[in-house]
């Protein structure tokens, strides 16, 4: 109900229309989005609003941590780009690793978090196995590591 209410209020704010047609469309849209995404975000089970609200601080913490990781990876790629012997510094690799994540949504978040980090790209997720391209050995060595642990803490708790 909390998700529905939030989406409906957001609809009203963005549409700026308060006639019966637009309010009805807002109700239908908010209901459809809430219904389709409820089980998806909770790993296949519908969870209560209090459980989701309880995860919000962890989600914010993960977001802040990810932004810092992206910043550090940007610096790493930046220093690589301006090395005089850039071709010697690059050591592209394709690595495979198994994940302990159970839900598809957690795997989705991990794959996208890896891709958001400069120097790494998730090429494929097949079952519990990730295939990732890394621009250097240093970038490859950090996978999955801390990122997988943090994703599990937020999205599989």
N, C-alpha and C. Protein backbone atom coordinates (compact mmCIF):
# COMPACT_ATOMS: atom_id res chain seq x y z
N UNK A 1 0.82 -1.19 0.00
CA UNK A 1 0.00 0.00 0.00
C UNK A 1 0.86 1.26 0.00
N UNK A 2 2.01 1.17 0.68
CA UNK A 2 2.91 2.31 0.73
C UNK A 2 3.46 2.64 -0.66
N UNK A 3 3.84 1.60 -1.40
CA UNK A 3 4.36 1.81 -2.75
C UNK A 3 3.29 2.41 -3.65
N UNK A 4 2.10 1.86 -3.58
CA UNK A 4 0.99 2.39 -4.37
C UNK A 4 0.75 3.87 -4.04
N UNK A 5 0.70 4.20 -2.76
CA UNK A 5 0.43 5.58 -2.35
C UNK A 5 1.52 6.52 -2.85
N UNK A 6 2.77 6.10 -2.71
CA UNK A 6 3.89 6.91 -3.18
C UNK A 6 3.79 7.16 -4.68
N UNK A 7 3.52 6.10 -5.44
CA UNK A 7 3.44 6.24 -6.90
C UNK A 7 2.25 7.11 -7.32
N UNK A 8 1.14 6.95 -6.62
CA UNK A 8 -0.03 7.75 -6.96
C UNK A 8 0.21 9.23 -6.68
N UNK A 9 0.81 9.54 -5.55
CA UNK A 9 1.13 10.94 -5.23
C UNK A 9 2.12 11.49 -6.24
N UNK A 10 3.11 10.69 -6.61
CA UNK A 10 4.08 11.11 -7.62
C UNK A 10 3.38 11.39 -8.95
N UNK A 11 2.42 10.55 -9.32
CA UNK A 11 1.64 10.75 -10.54
C UNK A 11 0.92 12.09 -10.49
N UNK A 12 0.28 12.38 -9.37
CA UNK A 12 -0.47 13.64 -9.24
C UNK A 12 0.46 14.84 -9.34
N UNK A 13 1.62 14.77 -8.70
CA UNK A 13 2.56 15.88 -8.72
C UNK A 13 3.07 16.13 -10.14
N UNK A 14 3.47 15.07 -10.82
CA UNK A 14 4.03 15.23 -12.16
C UNK A 14 2.98 15.57 -13.21
N UNK A 15 1.77 15.03 -13.07
CA UNK A 15 0.76 15.32 -14.09
C UNK A 15 0.16 16.70 -13.90
N UNK A 16 -0.04 17.10 -12.66
CA UNK A 16 -0.64 18.42 -12.40
C UNK A 16 -2.10 18.50 -12.80
N UNK A 17 -2.69 17.37 -13.13
CA UNK A 17 -4.09 17.30 -13.55
C UNK A 17 -4.88 16.58 -12.48
N UNK A 18 -6.01 17.17 -12.06
CA UNK A 18 -6.77 16.59 -10.97
C UNK A 18 -8.22 16.26 -11.36
N UNK A 19 -8.46 16.11 -12.65
CA UNK A 19 -9.80 15.70 -13.09
C UNK A 19 -9.92 14.19 -12.95
N UNK A 20 -11.14 13.69 -13.07
CA UNK A 20 -11.40 12.28 -12.81
C UNK A 20 -10.65 11.36 -13.78
N UNK A 21 -10.47 11.76 -15.02
CA UNK A 21 -9.76 10.93 -15.99
C UNK A 21 -8.30 10.74 -15.56
N UNK A 22 -7.62 11.85 -15.26
CA UNK A 22 -6.20 11.76 -14.91
C UNK A 22 -6.00 11.07 -13.56
N UNK A 23 -6.87 11.32 -12.61
CA UNK A 23 -6.76 10.63 -11.33
C UNK A 23 -7.02 9.13 -11.49
N UNK A 24 -7.98 8.77 -12.33
CA UNK A 24 -8.25 7.36 -12.62
C UNK A 24 -7.06 6.68 -13.28
N UNK A 25 -6.44 7.37 -14.23
CA UNK A 25 -5.26 6.82 -14.90
C UNK A 25 -4.11 6.67 -13.90
N UNK A 26 -4.01 7.61 -12.96
CA UNK A 26 -2.99 7.52 -11.93
C UNK A 26 -3.20 6.30 -11.04
N UNK A 27 -4.45 6.04 -10.67
CA UNK A 27 -4.77 4.87 -9.84
C UNK A 27 -4.41 3.59 -10.60
N UNK A 28 -4.81 3.50 -11.85
CA UNK A 28 -4.54 2.31 -12.65
C UNK A 28 -3.03 2.12 -12.82
N UNK A 29 -2.32 3.17 -13.16
CA UNK A 29 -0.87 3.08 -13.37
C UNK A 29 -0.14 2.68 -12.10
N UNK A 30 -0.48 3.34 -10.99
CA UNK A 30 0.18 3.03 -9.72
C UNK A 30 -0.12 1.59 -9.30
N UNK A 31 -1.34 1.13 -9.53
CA UNK A 31 -1.71 -0.24 -9.16
C UNK A 31 -0.95 -1.25 -10.01
N UNK A 32 -0.85 -1.00 -11.32
CA UNK A 32 -0.13 -1.92 -12.20
C UNK A 32 1.35 -2.00 -11.84
N UNK A 33 1.98 -0.85 -11.65
CA UNK A 33 3.41 -0.85 -11.31
C UNK A 33 3.64 -1.52 -9.97
N UNK A 34 2.80 -1.24 -8.99
CA UNK A 34 2.93 -1.88 -7.67
C UNK A 34 2.77 -3.38 -7.79
N UNK A 35 1.78 -3.81 -8.54
CA UNK A 35 1.54 -5.25 -8.70
C UNK A 35 2.65 -5.97 -9.43
N UNK A 36 3.15 -5.36 -10.51
CA UNK A 36 4.18 -6.02 -11.30
C UNK A 36 5.54 -6.04 -10.63
N UNK A 37 5.84 -5.05 -9.82
CA UNK A 37 7.18 -4.97 -9.26
C UNK A 37 7.28 -5.46 -7.83
N UNK A 38 6.18 -5.70 -7.16
CA UNK A 38 6.22 -6.13 -5.76
C UNK A 38 7.01 -7.40 -5.55
N UNK A 39 6.68 -8.44 -6.28
CA UNK A 39 7.38 -9.72 -6.13
C UNK A 39 8.79 -9.64 -6.72
N UNK A 40 8.98 -8.84 -7.75
CA UNK A 40 10.30 -8.73 -8.38
C UNK A 40 11.32 -8.16 -7.41
N UNK A 41 10.97 -7.12 -6.69
CA UNK A 41 11.91 -6.47 -5.78
C UNK A 41 12.14 -7.26 -4.50
N UNK A 42 11.29 -8.18 -4.19
CA UNK A 42 11.45 -8.92 -2.94
C UNK A 42 11.87 -10.37 -3.19
N UNK A 43 12.46 -10.65 -4.33
CA UNK A 43 12.98 -11.98 -4.61
C UNK A 43 11.91 -13.03 -4.82
N UNK A 44 10.74 -12.63 -5.31
CA UNK A 44 9.71 -13.60 -5.62
C UNK A 44 8.66 -13.74 -4.54
N UNK A 45 8.86 -13.11 -3.41
CA UNK A 45 7.85 -13.15 -2.34
C UNK A 45 7.44 -11.73 -2.02
N UNK A 46 6.17 -11.55 -1.79
CA UNK A 46 5.68 -10.22 -1.46
C UNK A 46 5.95 -9.98 0.02
N UNK A 47 6.69 -8.91 0.30
CA UNK A 47 7.05 -8.60 1.68
C UNK A 47 6.34 -7.33 2.11
N UNK A 48 6.25 -7.16 3.41
CA UNK A 48 5.56 -6.01 3.95
C UNK A 48 6.31 -4.71 3.78
N UNK A 49 5.58 -3.63 3.91
CA UNK A 49 6.17 -2.30 3.78
C UNK A 49 7.22 -2.04 4.85
N UNK A 50 7.00 -2.56 6.06
CA UNK A 50 7.96 -2.33 7.14
C UNK A 50 9.30 -3.00 6.85
N UNK A 51 9.26 -4.17 6.23
CA UNK A 51 10.49 -4.85 5.85
C UNK A 51 11.25 -4.03 4.81
N UNK A 52 10.54 -3.52 3.84
CA UNK A 52 11.18 -2.71 2.80
C UNK A 52 11.72 -1.40 3.37
N UNK A 53 10.97 -0.77 4.25
CA UNK A 53 11.46 0.47 4.87
C UNK A 53 12.69 0.20 5.73
N UNK A 54 12.74 -0.97 6.36
CA UNK A 54 13.88 -1.33 7.19
C UNK A 54 15.16 -1.49 6.38
N UNK A 55 15.03 -1.81 5.11
CA UNK A 55 16.20 -1.96 4.24
C UNK A 55 16.68 -0.63 3.66
N UNK A 56 15.88 0.40 3.78
CA UNK A 56 16.21 1.68 3.14
C UNK A 56 17.56 2.24 3.59
N UNK A 57 17.87 2.26 4.89
CA UNK A 57 19.19 2.77 5.29
C UNK A 57 20.33 1.95 4.68
N UNK A 58 20.16 0.62 4.58
CA UNK A 58 21.19 -0.22 3.95
C UNK A 58 21.33 0.11 2.48
N UNK A 59 20.20 0.38 1.83
CA UNK A 59 20.22 0.74 0.41
C UNK A 59 20.96 2.05 0.20
N UNK A 60 20.70 3.03 1.04
CA UNK A 60 21.41 4.31 0.96
C UNK A 60 22.91 4.09 1.20
N UNK A 61 23.23 3.27 2.19
CA UNK A 61 24.63 2.96 2.47
C UNK A 61 25.31 2.31 1.28
N UNK A 62 24.62 1.38 0.63
CA UNK A 62 25.18 0.72 -0.55
C UNK A 62 25.38 1.73 -1.68
N UNK A 63 24.41 2.60 -1.87
CA UNK A 63 24.52 3.61 -2.93
C UNK A 63 25.73 4.51 -2.70
N UNK A 64 25.93 4.97 -1.47
CA UNK A 64 27.07 5.84 -1.16
C UNK A 64 28.38 5.07 -1.39
N UNK A 65 28.43 3.82 -0.92
CA UNK A 65 29.63 3.01 -1.12
C UNK A 65 29.91 2.81 -2.61
N UNK A 66 28.86 2.54 -3.40
CA UNK A 66 29.03 2.32 -4.83
C UNK A 66 29.54 3.59 -5.53
N UNK A 67 29.01 4.73 -5.16
CA UNK A 67 29.49 5.99 -5.74
C UNK A 67 30.98 6.18 -5.46
N UNK A 68 31.42 5.87 -4.24
CA UNK A 68 32.84 5.98 -3.91
C UNK A 68 33.68 4.99 -4.72
N UNK A 69 33.16 3.77 -4.91
CA UNK A 69 33.87 2.77 -5.71
C UNK A 69 33.98 3.22 -7.17
N UNK A 70 32.91 3.80 -7.69
CA UNK A 70 32.93 4.30 -9.07
C UNK A 70 33.96 5.42 -9.19
N UNK A 71 34.02 6.29 -8.19
CA UNK A 71 34.99 7.38 -8.19
C UNK A 71 36.42 6.83 -8.18
N UNK A 72 36.70 5.85 -7.32
CA UNK A 72 38.04 5.26 -7.26
C UNK A 72 38.39 4.57 -8.57
N UNK A 73 37.43 3.87 -9.17
CA UNK A 73 37.69 3.19 -10.44
C UNK A 73 37.93 4.21 -11.55
N UNK A 74 37.22 5.34 -11.51
CA UNK A 74 37.47 6.41 -12.48
C UNK A 74 38.90 6.92 -12.38
N UNK A 75 39.38 7.10 -11.15
CA UNK A 75 40.77 7.55 -10.97
C UNK A 75 41.75 6.52 -11.51
N UNK A 76 41.45 5.24 -11.29
CA UNK A 76 42.32 4.18 -11.80
C UNK A 76 42.39 4.21 -13.33
N UNK A 77 41.25 4.30 -13.97
CA UNK A 77 41.21 4.35 -15.44
C UNK A 77 41.85 5.63 -15.96
N UNK A 78 41.63 6.74 -15.25
CA UNK A 78 42.23 8.02 -15.64
C UNK A 78 43.76 7.93 -15.61
N UNK A 79 44.31 7.35 -14.54
CA UNK A 79 45.77 7.23 -14.45
C UNK A 79 46.30 6.28 -15.53
N UNK A 80 45.53 5.25 -15.85
CA UNK A 80 45.94 4.35 -16.93
C UNK A 80 46.02 5.09 -18.26
N UNK A 81 45.03 5.92 -18.52
CA UNK A 81 44.94 6.61 -19.81
C UNK A 81 46.10 7.57 -20.03
N UNK A 82 46.66 8.12 -18.96
CA UNK A 82 47.72 9.12 -19.11
C UNK A 82 49.12 8.58 -18.83
N UNK A 83 49.25 7.28 -18.71
CA UNK A 83 50.58 6.69 -18.57
C UNK A 83 51.28 6.73 -19.92
N UNK A 84 52.56 6.98 -19.92
CA UNK A 84 53.28 6.98 -21.20
C UNK A 84 53.33 5.58 -21.82
N UNK A 85 53.33 4.54 -20.99
CA UNK A 85 53.38 3.16 -21.49
C UNK A 85 52.03 2.48 -21.26
N UNK A 86 50.96 3.11 -21.73
CA UNK A 86 49.61 2.64 -21.47
C UNK A 86 49.38 1.21 -21.95
N UNK A 87 49.99 0.83 -23.05
CA UNK A 87 49.79 -0.52 -23.58
C UNK A 87 50.40 -1.59 -22.67
N UNK A 88 51.46 -1.22 -21.96
CA UNK A 88 52.06 -2.17 -21.02
C UNK A 88 51.23 -2.28 -19.75
N UNK A 89 50.56 -1.20 -19.37
CA UNK A 89 49.77 -1.18 -18.14
C UNK A 89 48.46 -1.94 -18.29
N UNK A 90 47.91 -1.93 -19.49
CA UNK A 90 46.64 -2.63 -19.72
C UNK A 90 46.87 -4.13 -19.75
N UNK A 91 46.00 -4.83 -19.11
CA UNK A 91 46.05 -6.30 -19.10
C UNK A 91 44.62 -6.81 -19.08
N UNK A 92 43.90 -6.65 -20.21
CA UNK A 92 42.49 -7.03 -20.24
C UNK A 92 42.30 -8.52 -19.99
N UNK A 93 41.23 -8.81 -19.23
CA UNK A 93 40.96 -10.19 -18.88
C UNK A 93 39.47 -10.44 -18.85
N UNK A 94 39.10 -11.65 -19.17
CA UNK A 94 37.72 -12.08 -18.98
C UNK A 94 37.78 -13.10 -17.85
N UNK A 95 37.04 -12.80 -16.78
CA UNK A 95 37.05 -13.70 -15.63
C UNK A 95 35.66 -14.27 -15.41
N UNK A 96 35.64 -15.42 -14.80
CA UNK A 96 34.38 -16.09 -14.44
C UNK A 96 34.42 -16.31 -12.93
N UNK A 97 33.27 -16.12 -12.31
CA UNK A 97 33.16 -16.45 -10.90
C UNK A 97 31.74 -16.86 -10.58
N UNK A 98 31.65 -17.70 -9.57
CA UNK A 98 30.33 -18.15 -9.09
C UNK A 98 29.90 -17.20 -7.99
N UNK A 99 28.61 -16.90 -7.97
CA UNK A 99 28.06 -16.05 -6.94
C UNK A 99 27.27 -16.87 -5.94
N UNK A 100 27.21 -16.35 -4.73
CA UNK A 100 26.38 -17.00 -3.71
C UNK A 100 25.01 -16.34 -3.62
N UNK A 101 24.77 -15.33 -4.45
CA UNK A 101 23.47 -14.65 -4.45
C UNK A 101 22.40 -15.60 -4.95
N UNK A 102 21.24 -15.55 -4.32
CA UNK A 102 20.16 -16.48 -4.66
C UNK A 102 19.09 -15.88 -5.55
N UNK A 103 18.76 -14.62 -5.36
CA UNK A 103 17.65 -14.04 -6.12
C UNK A 103 18.14 -13.42 -7.43
N UNK A 104 17.28 -13.47 -8.42
CA UNK A 104 17.62 -12.86 -9.71
C UNK A 104 17.83 -11.37 -9.58
N UNK A 105 17.04 -10.72 -8.71
CA UNK A 105 17.17 -9.27 -8.56
C UNK A 105 18.53 -8.91 -7.97
N UNK A 106 19.01 -9.67 -6.99
CA UNK A 106 20.33 -9.41 -6.41
C UNK A 106 21.43 -9.61 -7.46
N UNK A 107 21.29 -10.63 -8.29
CA UNK A 107 22.26 -10.85 -9.37
C UNK A 107 22.22 -9.71 -10.38
N UNK A 108 21.02 -9.25 -10.67
CA UNK A 108 20.83 -8.11 -11.57
C UNK A 108 21.54 -6.87 -11.02
N UNK A 109 21.37 -6.60 -9.73
CA UNK A 109 22.00 -5.44 -9.10
C UNK A 109 23.52 -5.59 -9.12
N UNK A 110 24.04 -6.77 -8.80
CA UNK A 110 25.48 -6.99 -8.82
C UNK A 110 26.04 -6.80 -10.23
N UNK A 111 25.39 -7.38 -11.22
CA UNK A 111 25.86 -7.23 -12.60
C UNK A 111 25.89 -5.78 -13.05
N UNK A 112 24.86 -5.04 -12.70
CA UNK A 112 24.84 -3.62 -13.08
C UNK A 112 25.82 -2.80 -12.28
N UNK A 113 26.04 -3.14 -11.03
CA UNK A 113 27.02 -2.42 -10.22
C UNK A 113 28.43 -2.63 -10.77
N UNK A 114 28.72 -3.86 -11.21
CA UNK A 114 30.02 -4.14 -11.82
C UNK A 114 30.19 -3.31 -13.08
N UNK A 115 29.16 -3.26 -13.91
CA UNK A 115 29.23 -2.52 -15.17
C UNK A 115 29.33 -1.01 -14.94
N UNK A 116 28.71 -0.51 -13.88
CA UNK A 116 28.81 0.92 -13.57
C UNK A 116 30.22 1.32 -13.16
N UNK A 117 30.99 0.38 -12.65
CA UNK A 117 32.34 0.66 -12.19
C UNK A 117 33.27 0.68 -13.39
N UNK A 118 33.89 1.83 -13.69
CA UNK A 118 34.77 1.92 -14.87
C UNK A 118 35.88 0.88 -14.83
N UNK A 119 36.15 0.29 -15.98
CA UNK A 119 37.19 -0.72 -16.10
C UNK A 119 36.65 -2.14 -16.04
N UNK A 120 35.35 -2.29 -15.75
CA UNK A 120 34.75 -3.63 -15.71
C UNK A 120 33.40 -3.61 -16.40
N UNK A 121 33.07 -4.71 -17.06
CA UNK A 121 31.78 -4.85 -17.75
C UNK A 121 31.29 -6.27 -17.53
N UNK A 122 30.06 -6.41 -17.06
CA UNK A 122 29.46 -7.73 -16.95
C UNK A 122 29.03 -8.16 -18.34
N UNK A 123 29.61 -9.24 -18.82
CA UNK A 123 29.30 -9.73 -20.17
C UNK A 123 28.10 -10.67 -20.17
N UNK A 124 28.01 -11.51 -19.10
CA UNK A 124 26.95 -12.50 -19.08
C UNK A 124 26.73 -12.98 -17.64
N UNK A 125 25.47 -13.26 -17.35
CA UNK A 125 25.12 -13.94 -16.10
C UNK A 125 24.34 -15.17 -16.51
N UNK A 126 24.87 -16.31 -16.15
CA UNK A 126 24.23 -17.57 -16.52
C UNK A 126 24.10 -18.42 -15.26
N UNK A 127 22.89 -18.46 -14.72
CA UNK A 127 22.68 -19.17 -13.47
C UNK A 127 23.40 -18.47 -12.33
N UNK A 128 24.37 -19.16 -11.73
CA UNK A 128 25.15 -18.58 -10.65
C UNK A 128 26.52 -18.10 -11.11
N UNK A 129 26.77 -18.14 -12.41
CA UNK A 129 28.09 -17.76 -12.92
C UNK A 129 28.04 -16.42 -13.64
N UNK A 130 29.00 -15.56 -13.27
CA UNK A 130 29.17 -14.27 -13.92
C UNK A 130 30.38 -14.33 -14.83
N UNK A 131 30.28 -13.68 -15.97
CA UNK A 131 31.42 -13.51 -16.87
C UNK A 131 31.63 -12.01 -17.00
N UNK A 132 32.84 -11.56 -16.60
CA UNK A 132 33.12 -10.13 -16.52
C UNK A 132 34.42 -9.83 -17.26
N UNK A 133 34.42 -8.73 -18.01
CA UNK A 133 35.64 -8.23 -18.65
C UNK A 133 36.22 -7.15 -17.75
N UNK A 134 37.51 -7.26 -17.47
CA UNK A 134 38.21 -6.27 -16.66
C UNK A 134 39.40 -5.74 -17.45
N UNK A 135 39.65 -4.45 -17.31
CA UNK A 135 40.69 -3.81 -18.11
C UNK A 135 42.10 -4.10 -17.58
N UNK A 136 42.22 -4.40 -16.28
CA UNK A 136 43.51 -4.71 -15.68
C UNK A 136 43.35 -5.85 -14.67
N UNK A 137 44.50 -6.41 -14.26
CA UNK A 137 44.48 -7.45 -13.23
C UNK A 137 43.94 -6.89 -11.92
N UNK A 138 44.28 -5.65 -11.62
CA UNK A 138 43.81 -5.03 -10.38
C UNK A 138 42.28 -4.96 -10.35
N UNK A 139 41.67 -4.57 -11.46
CA UNK A 139 40.21 -4.50 -11.52
C UNK A 139 39.60 -5.89 -11.40
N UNK A 140 40.24 -6.90 -11.98
CA UNK A 140 39.73 -8.27 -11.92
C UNK A 140 39.88 -8.86 -10.52
N UNK A 141 40.93 -8.48 -9.81
CA UNK A 141 41.20 -9.06 -8.49
C UNK A 141 40.14 -8.68 -7.47
N UNK A 142 39.47 -7.56 -7.66
CA UNK A 142 38.49 -7.09 -6.69
C UNK A 142 37.12 -7.77 -6.83
N UNK A 143 36.97 -8.62 -7.85
CA UNK A 143 35.66 -9.22 -8.11
C UNK A 143 35.56 -10.62 -7.54
N UNK A 144 34.43 -11.03 -7.04
CA UNK A 144 33.25 -10.24 -6.71
C UNK A 144 33.41 -9.52 -5.38
N UNK A 145 34.05 -10.15 -4.43
CA UNK A 145 34.47 -9.53 -3.19
C UNK A 145 33.42 -8.74 -2.42
N UNK A 146 33.84 -7.55 -2.05
CA UNK A 146 33.04 -6.68 -1.19
C UNK A 146 31.70 -6.31 -1.83
N UNK A 147 31.70 -6.13 -3.13
CA UNK A 147 30.47 -5.73 -3.81
C UNK A 147 29.39 -6.80 -3.67
N UNK A 148 29.75 -8.05 -3.86
CA UNK A 148 28.79 -9.14 -3.72
C UNK A 148 28.25 -9.21 -2.29
N UNK A 149 29.13 -9.05 -1.31
CA UNK A 149 28.70 -9.09 0.09
C UNK A 149 27.70 -7.99 0.40
N UNK A 150 27.97 -6.79 -0.10
CA UNK A 150 27.08 -5.66 0.16
C UNK A 150 25.73 -5.82 -0.56
N UNK A 151 25.76 -6.34 -1.77
CA UNK A 151 24.50 -6.58 -2.49
C UNK A 151 23.67 -7.60 -1.73
N UNK A 152 24.29 -8.65 -1.24
CA UNK A 152 23.56 -9.68 -0.48
C UNK A 152 22.98 -9.09 0.79
N UNK A 153 23.71 -8.22 1.43
CA UNK A 153 23.24 -7.61 2.68
C UNK A 153 22.00 -6.77 2.46
N UNK A 154 21.93 -6.07 1.33
CA UNK A 154 20.79 -5.19 1.07
C UNK A 154 19.63 -5.93 0.42
N UNK A 155 19.89 -6.77 -0.56
CA UNK A 155 18.84 -7.32 -1.38
C UNK A 155 18.44 -8.76 -1.06
N UNK A 156 19.15 -9.40 -0.13
CA UNK A 156 18.78 -10.76 0.23
C UNK A 156 18.59 -10.94 1.73
N UNK A 157 18.57 -9.86 2.47
CA UNK A 157 18.43 -9.95 3.93
C UNK A 157 17.06 -10.41 4.33
